[in-house]
């Protein structure tokens, strides 16, 4: 492709305009990119806060479940303690029965 001298006179002054338009477009792209990055960061921060904060109904449900588990554990401990106490009493009673008859009777074999 050949360029005529007259076309050259038109192209050279326009090169500055084209460069200015290209720089403006590139600057606009950078600005748009920065705005998008800022919006993404704000959105991520908002999502993080939403995850960290429970809504009240969910928080109440979790709290009631924890209280229920605590009550069940306390009841279980009481039952285990009662079972251990009754086992000790039964053992004590059997020892007393065995020792109370000890020496009362005399077995004689001929």
PDB file of N, CA and C in Angstrom:
ATOM      1  N   UNK A   1       0.839  -1.161   0.000  1.00  0.00           N
ATOM      2  CA  UNK A   1       0.000   0.000   0.000  1.00  0.00           C
ATOM      3  C   UNK A   1       0.895   1.238   0.000  1.00  0.00           C
ATOM      4  N   UNK A   2       0.649   2.062  -0.898  1.00  0.00           N
ATOM      5  CA  UNK A   2       1.448   3.289  -1.008  1.00  0.00           C
ATOM      6  C   UNK A   2       0.638   4.470  -0.493  1.00  0.00           C
ATOM      7  N   UNK A   3       1.361   5.414   0.052  1.00  0.00           N
ATOM      8  CA  UNK A   3       0.707   6.600   0.595  1.00  0.00           C
ATOM      9  C   UNK A   3       1.123   7.786  -0.267  1.00  0.00           C
ATOM     10  N   UNK A   4       0.179   8.511  -0.706  1.00  0.00           N
ATOM     11  CA  UNK A   4       0.434   9.711  -1.499  1.00  0.00           C
ATOM     12  C   UNK A   4       0.866  10.842  -0.577  1.00  0.00           C
ATOM     13  N   UNK A   5       1.617  11.797  -1.114  1.00  0.00           N
ATOM     14  CA  UNK A   5       2.060  12.918  -0.282  1.00  0.00           C
ATOM     15  C   UNK A   5       0.887  13.706   0.313  1.00  0.00           C
ATOM     16  N   UNK A   6      -0.209  13.790  -0.369  1.00  0.00           N
ATOM     17  CA  UNK A   6      -1.353  14.540   0.142  1.00  0.00           C
ATOM     18  C   UNK A   6      -1.973  13.778   1.332  1.00  0.00           C
ATOM     19  N   UNK A   7      -2.047  12.470   1.199  1.00  0.00           N
ATOM     20  CA  UNK A   7      -2.568  11.660   2.307  1.00  0.00           C
ATOM     21  C   UNK A   7      -1.650  11.765   3.523  1.00  0.00           C
ATOM     22  N   UNK A   8      -0.367  11.883   3.254  1.00  0.00           N
ATOM     23  CA  UNK A   8       0.589  12.000   4.348  1.00  0.00           C
ATOM     24  C   UNK A   8       0.350  13.278   5.129  1.00  0.00           C
ATOM     25  N   UNK A   9       0.018  14.354   4.423  1.00  0.00           N
ATOM     26  CA  UNK A   9      -0.245  15.623   5.087  1.00  0.00           C
ATOM     27  C   UNK A   9      -1.488  15.524   5.987  1.00  0.00           C
ATOM     28  N   UNK A  10      -2.420  14.671   5.645  1.00  0.00           N
ATOM     29  CA  UNK A  10      -3.638  14.508   6.447  1.00  0.00           C
ATOM     30  C   UNK A  10      -3.390  13.526   7.594  1.00  0.00           C
ATOM     31  N   UNK A  11      -2.617  12.481   7.334  1.00  0.00           N
ATOM     32  CA  UNK A  11      -2.400  11.424   8.317  1.00  0.00           C
ATOM     33  C   UNK A  11      -1.546  11.906   9.480  1.00  0.00           C
ATOM     34  N   UNK A  12      -0.477  12.655   9.233  1.00  0.00           N
ATOM     35  CA  UNK A  12       0.451  13.069  10.282  1.00  0.00           C
ATOM     36  C   UNK A  12      -0.249  13.927  11.345  1.00  0.00           C
ATOM     37  N   UNK A  13      -1.009  14.948  11.001  1.00  0.00           N
ATOM     38  CA  UNK A  13      -1.683  15.713  12.051  1.00  0.00           C
ATOM     39  C   UNK A  13      -2.728  14.874  12.810  1.00  0.00           C
ATOM     40  N   UNK A  14      -3.320  13.941  12.121  1.00  0.00           N
ATOM     41  CA  UNK A  14      -4.333  13.107  12.770  1.00  0.00           C
ATOM     42  C   UNK A  14      -3.708  12.076  13.724  1.00  0.00           C
ATOM     43  N   UNK A  15      -2.457  11.782  13.584  1.00  0.00           N
ATOM     44  CA  UNK A  15      -1.795  10.803  14.442  1.00  0.00           C
ATOM     45  C   UNK A  15      -1.852  11.264  15.897  1.00  0.00           C
ATOM     46  N   UNK A  16      -1.684  12.554  16.120  1.00  0.00           N
ATOM     47  CA  UNK A  16      -1.767  13.104  17.475  1.00  0.00           C
ATOM     48  C   UNK A  16      -3.166  12.923  18.050  1.00  0.00           C
ATOM     49  N   UNK A  17      -4.177  13.163  17.196  1.00  0.00           N
ATOM     50  CA  UNK A  17      -5.557  12.988  17.654  1.00  0.00           C
ATOM     51  C   UNK A  17      -5.848  11.528  17.987  1.00  0.00           C
ATOM     52  N   UNK A  18      -5.370  10.642  17.126  1.00  0.00           N
ATOM     53  CA  UNK A  18      -5.588   9.216  17.337  1.00  0.00           C
ATOM     54  C   UNK A  18      -4.900   8.774  18.622  1.00  0.00           C
ATOM     55  N   UNK A  19      -3.683   9.274  18.839  1.00  0.00           N
ATOM     56  CA  UNK A  19      -2.956   8.907  20.055  1.00  0.00           C
ATOM     57  C   UNK A  19      -3.706   9.408  21.289  1.00  0.00           C
ATOM     58  N   UNK A  20      -4.203  10.623  21.242  1.00  0.00           N
ATOM     59  CA  UNK A  20      -4.951  11.186  22.358  1.00  0.00           C
ATOM     60  C   UNK A  20      -6.223  10.364  22.621  1.00  0.00           C
ATOM     61  N   UNK A  21      -6.918   9.979  21.565  1.00  0.00           N
ATOM     62  CA  UNK A  21      -8.134   9.174  21.716  1.00  0.00           C
ATOM     63  C   UNK A  21      -7.783   7.804  22.300  1.00  0.00           C
ATOM     64  N   UNK A  22      -6.702   7.210  21.830  1.00  0.00           N
ATOM     65  CA  UNK A  22      -6.268   5.907  22.363  1.00  0.00           C
ATOM     66  C   UNK A  22      -5.890   6.010  23.840  1.00  0.00           C
ATOM     67  N   UNK A  23      -5.169   7.073  24.206  1.00  0.00           N
ATOM     68  CA  UNK A  23      -4.802   7.264  25.610  1.00  0.00           C
ATOM     69  C   UNK A  23      -6.048   7.460  26.480  1.00  0.00           C
ATOM     70  N   UNK A  24      -6.984   8.224  25.972  1.00  0.00           N
ATOM     71  CA  UNK A  24      -8.229   8.447  26.712  1.00  0.00           C
ATOM     72  C   UNK A  24      -8.986   7.130  26.891  1.00  0.00           C
ATOM     73  N   UNK A  25      -9.066   6.328  25.844  1.00  0.00           N
ATOM     74  CA  UNK A  25      -9.758   5.033  25.920  1.00  0.00           C
ATOM     75  C   UNK A  25      -9.043   4.108  26.911  1.00  0.00           C
ATOM     76  N   UNK A  26      -7.703   4.116  26.861  1.00  0.00           N
ATOM     77  CA  UNK A  26      -6.940   3.262  27.769  1.00  0.00           C
ATOM     78  C   UNK A  26      -7.118   3.737  29.220  1.00  0.00           C
ATOM     79  N   UNK A  27      -7.098   5.041  29.423  1.00  0.00           N
ATOM     80  CA  UNK A  27      -7.313   5.582  30.761  1.00  0.00           C
ATOM     81  C   UNK A  27      -8.713   5.232  31.265  1.00  0.00           C
ATOM     82  N   UNK A  28      -9.689   5.300  30.381  1.00  0.00           N
ATOM     83  CA  UNK A  28     -11.057   4.958  30.763  1.00  0.00           C
ATOM     84  C   UNK A  28     -11.149   3.475  31.154  1.00  0.00           C
ATOM     85  N   UNK A  29     -10.445   2.629  30.418  1.00  0.00           N
ATOM     86  CA  UNK A  29     -10.436   1.195  30.741  1.00  0.00           C
ATOM     87  C   UNK A  29      -9.810   0.957  32.114  1.00  0.00           C
ATOM     88  N   UNK A  30      -8.719   1.652  32.397  1.00  0.00           N
ATOM     89  CA  UNK A  30      -8.081   1.510  33.700  1.00  0.00           C
ATOM     90  C   UNK A  30      -8.995   1.996  34.825  1.00  0.00           C
ATOM     91  N   UNK A  31      -9.664   3.111  34.576  1.00  0.00           N
ATOM     92  CA  UNK A  31     -10.593   3.640  35.575  1.00  0.00           C
ATOM     93  C   UNK A  31     -11.739   2.664  35.808  1.00  0.00           C
ATOM     94  N   UNK A  32     -12.285   2.126  34.717  1.00  0.00           N
ATOM     95  CA  UNK A  32     -13.366   1.134  34.846  1.00  0.00           C
ATOM     96  C   UNK A  32     -12.897  -0.088  35.626  1.00  0.00           C
ATOM     97  N   UNK A  33     -11.684  -0.527  35.337  1.00  0.00           N
ATOM     98  CA  UNK A  33     -11.132  -1.696  36.036  1.00  0.00           C
ATOM     99  C   UNK A  33     -10.977  -1.406  37.523  1.00  0.00           C
ATOM    100  N   UNK A  34     -10.493  -0.220  37.877  1.00  0.00           N
ATOM    101  CA  UNK A  34     -10.343   0.151  39.276  1.00  0.00           C
ATOM    102  C   UNK A  34     -11.702   0.210  39.981  1.00  0.00           C
ATOM    103  N   UNK A  35     -12.693   0.753  39.311  1.00  0.00           N
ATOM    104  CA  UNK A  35     -14.036   0.826  39.895  1.00  0.00           C
ATOM    105  C   UNK A  35     -14.588  -0.578  40.126  1.00  0.00           C
ATOM    106  N   UNK A  36     -14.407  -1.466  39.141  1.00  0.00           N
ATOM    107  CA  UNK A  36     -14.880  -2.846  39.277  1.00  0.00           C
ATOM    108  C   UNK A  36     -14.180  -3.550  40.437  1.00  0.00           C
ATOM    109  N   UNK A  37     -12.873  -3.366  40.557  1.00  0.00           N
ATOM    110  CA  UNK A  37     -12.127  -3.968  41.670  1.00  0.00           C
ATOM    111  C   UNK A  37     -12.639  -3.452  43.014  1.00  0.00           C
ATOM    112  N   UNK A  38     -12.911  -2.161  43.090  1.00  0.00           N
ATOM    113  CA  UNK A  38     -13.412  -1.582  44.331  1.00  0.00           C
ATOM    114  C   UNK A  38     -14.792  -2.150  44.664  1.00  0.00           C
ATOM    115  N   UNK A  39     -15.666  -2.278  43.661  1.00  0.00           N
ATOM    116  CA  UNK A  39     -16.997  -2.843  43.896  1.00  0.00           C
ATOM    117  C   UNK A  39     -16.908  -4.299  44.336  1.00  0.00           C
ATOM    118  N   UNK A  40     -16.004  -5.050  43.741  1.00  0.00           N
ATOM    119  CA  UNK A  40     -15.824  -6.450  44.124  1.00  0.00           C
ATOM    120  C   UNK A  40     -15.344  -6.547  45.565  1.00  0.00           C
ATOM    121  N   UNK A  41     -14.378  -5.688  45.953  1.00  0.00           N
ATOM    122  CA  UNK A  41     -13.870  -5.692  47.324  1.00  0.00           C
ATOM    123  C   UNK A  41     -14.983  -5.351  48.318  1.00  0.00           C
ATOM    124  N   UNK A  42     -15.800  -4.356  48.002  1.00  0.00           N
ATOM    125  CA  UNK A  42     -16.905  -3.986  48.889  1.00  0.00           C
ATOM    126  C   UNK A  42     -17.911  -5.128  49.003  1.00  0.00           C
ATOM    127  N   UNK A  43     -18.180  -5.776  47.878  1.00  0.00           N
ATOM    128  CA  UNK A  43     -19.123  -6.901  47.876  1.00  0.00           C
ATOM    129  C   UNK A  43     -18.586  -8.050  48.730  1.00  0.00           C
ATOM    130  N   UNK A  44     -17.301  -8.359  48.610  1.00  0.00           N
ATOM    131  CA  UNK A  44     -16.696  -9.416  49.420  1.00  0.00           C
ATOM    132  C   UNK A  44     -16.749  -9.078  50.905  1.00  0.00           C
ATOM    133  N   UNK A  45     -16.464  -7.822  51.239  1.00  0.00           N
ATOM    134  CA  UNK A  45     -16.501  -7.401  52.639  1.00  0.00           C
ATOM    135  C   UNK A  45     -17.921  -7.537  53.192  1.00  0.00           C
ATOM    136  N   UNK A  46     -18.904  -7.142  52.389  1.00  0.00           N
ATOM    137  CA  UNK A  46     -20.307  -7.255  52.815  1.00  0.00           C
ATOM    138  C   UNK A  46     -20.698  -8.718  53.007  1.00  0.00           C
ATOM    139  N   UNK A  47     -20.270  -9.587  52.103  1.00  0.00           N
ATOM    140  CA  UNK A  47     -20.574 -11.012  52.221  1.00  0.00           C
ATOM    141  C   UNK A  47     -19.907 -11.610  53.459  1.00  0.00           C
ATOM    142  N   UNK A  48     -18.686 -11.199  53.758  1.00  0.00           N
ATOM    143  CA  UNK A  48     -17.989 -11.677  54.965  1.00  0.00           C
ATOM    144  C   UNK A  48     -18.755 -11.283  56.218  1.00  0.00           C
ATOM    145  N   UNK A  49     -19.205 -10.063  56.261  1.00  0.00           N
ATOM    146  CA  UNK A  49     -19.959  -9.594  57.425  1.00  0.00           C
ATOM    147  C   UNK A  49     -21.268 -10.353  57.544  1.00  0.00           C
ATOM    148  N   UNK A  50     -21.904 -10.643  56.424  1.00  0.00           N
ATOM    149  CA  UNK A  50     -23.169 -11.379  56.459  1.00  0.00           C
ATOM    150  C   UNK A  50     -22.950 -12.793  56.980  1.00  0.00           C
ATOM    151  N   UNK A  51     -21.837 -13.400  56.627  1.00  0.00           N
ATOM    152  CA  UNK A  51     -21.544 -14.753  57.099  1.00  0.00           C
ATOM    153  C   UNK A  51     -21.232 -14.732  58.597  1.00  0.00           C
ATOM    154  N   UNK A  52     -20.494 -13.734  59.048  1.00  0.00           N
ATOM    155  CA  UNK A  52     -20.100 -13.663  60.451  1.00  0.00           C
ATOM    156  C   UNK A  52     -21.274 -13.331  61.376  1.00  0.00           C
ATOM    157  N   UNK A  53     -22.288 -12.655  60.848  1.00  0.00           N
ATOM    158  CA  UNK A  53     -23.437 -12.293  61.673  1.00  0.00           C
ATOM    159  C   UNK A  53     -24.576 -13.258  61.389  1.00  0.00           C
ATOM    160  N   UNK A  54     -25.035 -13.936  62.427  1.00  0.00           N
ATOM    161  CA  UNK A  54     -26.164 -14.845  62.283  1.00  0.00           C
ATOM    162  C   UNK A  54     -27.457 -14.052  62.435  1.00  0.00           C
ATOM    163  N   UNK A  55     -28.482 -14.496  61.732  1.00  0.00           N
ATOM    164  CA  UNK A  55     -29.758 -13.829  61.944  1.00  0.00           C
ATOM    165  C   UNK A  55     -30.328 -14.293  63.284  1.00  0.00           C
ATOM    166  N   UNK A  56     -31.166 -13.498  63.914  1.00  0.00           N
ATOM    167  CA  UNK A  56     -31.631 -13.786  65.279  1.00  0.00           C
ATOM    168  C   UNK A  56     -32.341 -15.131  65.421  1.00  0.00           C
ATOM    169  N   UNK A  57     -33.134 -15.536  64.462  1.00  0.00           N
ATOM    170  CA  UNK A  57     -33.841 -16.811  64.603  1.00  0.00           C
ATOM    171  C   UNK A  57     -32.874 -17.979  64.611  1.00  0.00           C
ATOM    172  N   UNK A  58     -31.878 -17.920  63.772  1.00  0.00           N
ATOM    173  CA  UNK A  58     -30.877 -18.992  63.729  1.00  0.00           C
ATOM    174  C   UNK A  58     -30.056 -19.007  65.015  1.00  0.00           C
ATOM    175  N   UNK A  59     -29.734 -17.832  65.514  1.00  0.00           N
ATOM    176  CA  UNK A  59     -28.966 -17.734  66.758  1.00  0.00           C
ATOM    177  C   UNK A  59     -29.780 -18.304  67.926  1.00  0.00           C
ATOM    178  N   UNK A  60     -31.072 -18.011  67.980  1.00  0.00           N
ATOM    179  CA  UNK A  60     -31.933 -18.550  69.042  1.00  0.00           C
ATOM    180  C   UNK A  60     -32.037 -20.063  68.949  1.00  0.00           C
ATOM    181  N   UNK A  61     -32.145 -20.585  67.753  1.00  0.00           N
ATOM    182  CA  UNK A  61     -32.234 -22.036  67.551  1.00  0.00           C
ATOM    183  C   UNK A  61     -30.964 -22.715  68.052  1.00  0.00           C
ATOM    184  N   UNK A  62     -29.822 -22.165  67.715  1.00  0.00           N
ATOM    185  CA  UNK A  62     -28.545 -22.745  68.146  1.00  0.00           C
ATOM    186  C   UNK A  62     -28.436 -22.691  69.667  1.00  0.00           C
ATOM    187  N   UNK A  63     -28.834 -21.578  70.255  1.00  0.00           N
ATOM    188  CA  UNK A  63     -28.756 -21.435  71.709  1.00  0.00           C
ATOM    189  C   UNK A  63     -29.675 -22.436  72.404  1.00  0.00           C
ATOM    190  N   UNK A  64     -30.884 -22.633  71.882  1.00  0.00           N
ATOM    191  CA  UNK A  64     -31.805 -23.588  72.512  1.00  0.00           C
ATOM    192  C   UNK A  64     -31.281 -25.016  72.381  1.00  0.00           C
ATOM    193  N   UNK A  65     -30.655 -25.333  71.258  1.00  0.00           N
ATOM    194  CA  UNK A  65     -30.060 -26.666  71.089  1.00  0.00           C
ATOM    195  C   UNK A  65     -28.940 -26.893  72.104  1.00  0.00           C
ATOM    196  N   UNK A  66     -28.120 -25.876  72.329  1.00  0.00           N
ATOM    197  CA  UNK A  66     -27.029 -25.999  73.297  1.00  0.00           C
ATOM    198  C   UNK A  66     -27.581 -26.205  74.705  1.00  0.00           C
ATOM    199  N   UNK A  67     -28.625 -25.471  75.059  1.00  0.00           N
ATOM    200  CA  UNK A  67     -29.231 -25.623  76.383  1.00  0.00           C
ATOM    201  C   UNK A  67     -29.809 -27.025  76.544  1.00  0.00           C
ATOM    202  N   UNK A  68     -30.440 -27.524  75.508  1.00  0.00           N
ATOM    203  CA  UNK A  68     -31.024 -28.870  75.540  1.00  0.00           C
ATOM    204  C   UNK A  68     -29.931 -29.918  75.752  1.00  0.00           C
ATOM    205  N   UNK A  69     -28.815 -29.771  75.048  1.00  0.00           N
ATOM    206  CA  UNK A  69     -27.704 -30.712  75.207  1.00  0.00           C
ATOM    207  C   UNK A  69     -27.140 -30.662  76.627  1.00  0.00           C
ATOM    208  N   UNK A  70     -27.035 -29.458  77.186  1.00  0.00           N
ATOM    209  CA  UNK A  70     -26.527 -29.316  78.555  1.00  0.00           C
ATOM    210  C   UNK A  70     -27.446 -30.025  79.543  1.00  0.00           C
ATOM    211  N   UNK A  71     -28.758 -29.859  79.381  1.00  0.00           N
ATOM    212  CA  UNK A  71     -29.715 -30.521  80.277  1.00  0.00           C
ATOM    213  C   UNK A  71     -29.594 -32.035  80.156  1.00  0.00           C
ATOM    214  N   UNK A  72     -29.484 -32.534  78.922  1.00  0.00           N
ATOM    215  CA  UNK A  72     -29.351 -33.982  78.714  1.00  0.00           C
ATOM    216  C   UNK A  72     -28.080 -34.508  79.376  1.00  0.00           C
ATOM    217  N   UNK A  73     -26.994 -33.779  79.253  1.00  0.00           N
ATOM    218  CA  UNK A  73     -25.732 -34.199  79.873  1.00  0.00           C
ATOM    219  C   UNK A  73     -25.846 -34.223  81.389  1.00  0.00           C
ATOM    220  N   UNK A  74     -26.511 -33.216  81.970  1.00  0.00           N
ATOM    221  CA  UNK A  74     -26.681 -33.186  83.424  1.00  0.00           C
ATOM    222  C   UNK A  74     -27.527 -34.369  83.894  1.00  0.00           C
ATOM    223  N   UNK A  75     -28.609 -34.651  83.160  1.00  0.00           N
ATOM    224  CA  UNK A  75     -29.462 -35.783  83.529  1.00  0.00           C
ATOM    225  C   UNK A  75     -28.691 -37.098  83.425  1.00  0.00           C
ATOM    226  N   UNK A  76     -27.900 -37.212  82.391  1.00  0.00           N
ATOM    227  CA  UNK A  76     -27.106 -38.427  82.192  1.00  0.00           C
ATOM    228  C   UNK A  76     -26.115 -38.607  83.349  1.00  0.00           C
ATOM    229  N   UNK A  77     -25.476 -37.520  83.752  1.00  0.00           N
ATOM    230  CA  UNK A  77     -24.530 -37.586  84.865  1.00  0.00           C
ATOM    231  C   UNK A  77     -25.234 -37.991  86.156  1.00  0.00           C
ATOM    232  N   UNK A  78     -26.441 -37.442  86.387  1.00  0.00           N
ATOM    233  CA  UNK A  78     -27.197 -37.801  87.585  1.00  0.00           C
ATOM    234  C   UNK A  78     -27.549 -39.283  87.581  1.00  0.00           C
ATOM    235  N   UNK A  79     -27.992 -39.789  86.425  1.00  0.00           N
ATOM    236  CA  UNK A  79     -28.345 -41.206  86.328  1.00  0.00           C
ATOM    237  C   UNK A  79     -27.124 -42.083  86.563  1.00  0.00           C
ATOM    238  N   UNK A  80     -25.998 -41.709  86.001  1.00  0.00           N
ATOM    239  CA  UNK A  80     -24.774 -42.492  86.195  1.00  0.00           C
ATOM    240  C   UNK A  80     -24.367 -42.467  87.670  1.00  0.00           C
ATOM    241  N   UNK A  81     -24.514 -41.325  88.315  1.00  0.00           N
ATOM    242  CA  UNK A  81     -24.155 -41.217  89.727  1.00  0.00           C
ATOM    243  C   UNK A  81     -25.093 -42.083  90.570  1.00  0.00           C
ATOM    244  N   UNK A  82     -26.402 -42.064  90.239  1.00  0.00           N
ATOM    245  CA  UNK A  82     -27.355 -42.895  90.970  1.00  0.00           C
ATOM    246  C   UNK A  82     -27.031 -44.371  90.789  1.00  0.00           C
ATOM    247  N   UNK A  83     -26.698 -44.753  89.569  1.00  0.00           N
ATOM    248  CA  UNK A  83     -26.362 -46.148  89.295  1.00  0.00           C
ATOM    249  C   UNK A  83     -25.121 -46.565  90.079  1.00  0.00           C
ATOM    250  N   UNK A  84     -24.117 -45.694  90.119  1.00  0.00           N
ATOM    251  CA  UNK A  84     -22.896 -46.006  90.867  1.00  0.00           C
ATOM    252  C   UNK A  84     -23.199 -46.102  92.366  1.00  0.00           C
ATOM    253  N   UNK A  85     -24.027 -45.198  92.874  1.00  0.00           N
ATOM    254  CA  UNK A  85     -24.386 -45.231  94.294  1.00  0.00           C
ATOM    255  C   UNK A  85     -25.163 -46.501  94.637  1.00  0.00           C
ATOM    256  N   UNK A  86     -26.106 -46.864  93.796  1.00  0.00           N
ATOM    257  CA  UNK A  86     -26.895 -48.071  94.079  1.00  0.00           C
ATOM    258  C   UNK A  86     -26.020 -49.319  93.995  1.00  0.00           C
ATOM    259  N   UNK A  87     -25.047 -49.325  93.092  1.00  0.00           N
ATOM    260  CA  UNK A  87     -24.127 -50.465  93.002  1.00  0.00           C
ATOM    261  C   UNK A  87     -23.284 -50.556  94.273  1.00  0.00           C
ATOM    262  N   UNK A  88     -22.841 -49.418  94.778  1.00  0.00           N
ATOM    263  CA  UNK A  88     -22.060 -49.416  96.022  1.00  0.00           C
ATOM    264  C   UNK A  88     -22.904 -49.891  97.193  1.00  0.00           C
ATOM    265  N   UNK A  89     -24.158 -49.450  97.253  1.00  0.00           N
ATOM    266  CA  UNK A  89     -25.046 -49.873  98.331  1.00  0.00           C
ATOM    267  C   UNK A  89     -25.307 -51.374  98.259  1.00  0.00           C
ATOM    268  N   UNK A  90     -25.541 -51.871  97.058  1.00  0.00           N
ATOM    269  CA  UNK A  90     -25.787 -53.299  96.894  1.00  0.00           C
ATOM    270  C   UNK A  90     -24.566 -54.104  97.322  1.00  0.00           C
ATOM    271  N   UNK A  91     -23.398 -53.634  96.981  1.00  0.00           N
ATOM    272  CA  UNK A  91     -22.162 -54.324  97.362  1.00  0.00           C
ATOM    273  C   UNK A  91     -21.988 -54.292  98.882  1.00  0.00           C
ATOM    274  N   UNK A  92     -22.296 -53.154  99.479  1.00  0.00           N
ATOM    275  CA  UNK A  92     -22.183 -53.024 100.927  1.00  0.00           C
ATOM    276  C   UNK A  92     -23.166 -53.964 101.629  1.00  0.00           C
ATOM    277  N   UNK A  93     -24.390 -54.019 101.104  1.00  0.00           N
ATOM    278  CA  UNK A  93     -25.410 -54.891 101.704  1.00  0.00           C
ATOM    279  C   UNK A  93     -25.013 -56.362 101.598  1.00  0.00           C
ATOM    280  N   UNK A  94     -24.476 -56.747 100.468  1.00  0.00           N
ATOM    281  CA  UNK A  94     -24.079 -58.147 100.306  1.00  0.00           C
ATOM    282  C   UNK A  94     -22.910 -58.486 101.234  1.00  0.00           C
ATOM    283  N   UNK A  95     -22.004 -57.541 101.433  1.00  0.00           N
ATOM    284  CA  UNK A  95     -20.899 -57.769 102.363  1.00  0.00           C
ATOM    285  C   UNK A  95     -21.423 -57.882 103.796  1.00  0.00           C
ATOM    286  N   UNK A  96     -22.389 -57.038 104.127  1.00  0.00           N
ATOM    287  CA  UNK A  96     -22.940 -57.076 105.473  1.00  0.00           C
ATOM    288  C   UNK A  96     -23.680 -58.397 105.707  1.00  0.00           C
ATOM    289  N   UNK A  97     -24.411 -58.873 104.726  1.00  0.00           N
ATOM    290  CA  UNK A  97     -25.119 -60.145 104.871  1.00  0.00           C
ATOM    291  C   UNK A  97     -24.126 -61.282 105.065  1.00  0.00           C
ATOM    292  N   UNK A  98     -23.071 -61.231 104.310  1.00  0.00           N
ATOM    293  CA  UNK A  98     -22.073 -62.293 104.394  1.00  0.00           C
ATOM    294  C   UNK A  98     -21.360 -62.244 105.740  1.00  0.00           C
ATOM    295  N   UNK A  99     -20.989 -61.040 106.173  1.00  0.00           N
ATOM    296  CA  UNK A  99     -20.254 -60.919 107.431  1.00  0.00           C
ATOM    297  C   UNK A  99     -21.156 -61.073 108.651  1.00  0.00           C
ATOM    298  N   UNK A 100     -22.443 -60.779 108.521  1.00  0.00           N
ATOM    299  CA  UNK A 100     -23.331 -60.892 109.682  1.00  0.00           C
ATOM    300  C   UNK A 100     -23.577 -62.360 110.051  1.00  0.00           C
ATOM    301  N   UNK A 101     -23.560 -63.250 109.104  1.00  0.00           N
ATOM    302  CA  UNK A 101     -23.758 -64.677 109.372  1.00  0.00           C
ATOM    303  C   UNK A 101     -22.439 -65.397 109.639  1.00  0.00           C
ATOM    304  N   UNK A 102     -21.382 -64.744 109.440  1.00  0.00           N
ATOM    305  CA  UNK A 102     -20.073 -65.355 109.602  1.00  0.00           C
ATOM    306  C   UNK A 102     -19.818 -65.658 111.086  1.00  0.00           C
ATOM    307  N   UNK A 103     -19.478 -66.862 111.363  1.00  0.00           N
ATOM    308  CA  UNK A 103     -19.164 -67.265 112.728  1.00  0.00           C
ATOM    309  C   UNK A 103     -20.376 -67.652 113.550  1.00  0.00           C
ATOM    310  N   UNK A 104     -21.542 -67.542 113.054  1.00  0.00           N
ATOM    311  CA  UNK A 104     -22.741 -67.932 113.784  1.00  0.00           C
ATOM    312  C   UNK A 104     -22.954 -69.432 113.783  1.00  0.00           C
ATOM    313  N   UNK A 105     -22.661 -70.011 112.702  1.00  0.00           N
ATOM    314  CA  UNK A 105     -22.902 -71.447 112.557  1.00  0.00           C
ATOM    315  C   UNK A 105     -21.587 -72.188 112.460  1.00  0.00           C
ATOM    316  N   UNK A 106     -21.638 -73.385 112.952  1.00  0.00           N
ATOM    317  CA  UNK A 106     -20.453 -74.204 112.936  1.00  0.00           C
ATOM    318  C   UNK A 106     -20.788 -75.479 112.172  1.00  0.00           C
ATOM    319  N   UNK A 107     -20.066 -75.751 111.142  1.00  0.00           N
ATOM    320  CA  UNK A 107     -20.274 -76.951 110.358  1.00  0.00           C
ATOM    321  C   UNK A 107     -19.310 -78.023 110.871  1.00  0.00           C
ATOM    322  N   UNK A 108     -19.883 -79.125 111.236  1.00  0.00           N
ATOM    323  CA  UNK A 108     -19.066 -80.237 111.737  1.00  0.00           C
ATOM    324  C   UNK A 108     -19.259 -81.401 110.823  1.00  0.00           C
ATOM    325  N   UNK A 109     -18.165 -81.965 110.374  1.00  0.00           N
ATOM    326  CA  UNK A 109     -18.216 -83.129 109.518  1.00  0.00           C
ATOM    327  C   UNK A 109     -17.609 -84.311 110.282  1.00  0.00           C
ATOM    328  N   UNK A 110     -18.248 -85.442 110.163  1.00  0.00           N
ATOM    329  CA  UNK A 110     -17.753 -86.617 110.853  1.00  0.00           C
ATOM    330  C   UNK A 110     -17.374 -87.664 109.852  1.00  0.00           C
TER     331      UNK A 110
END
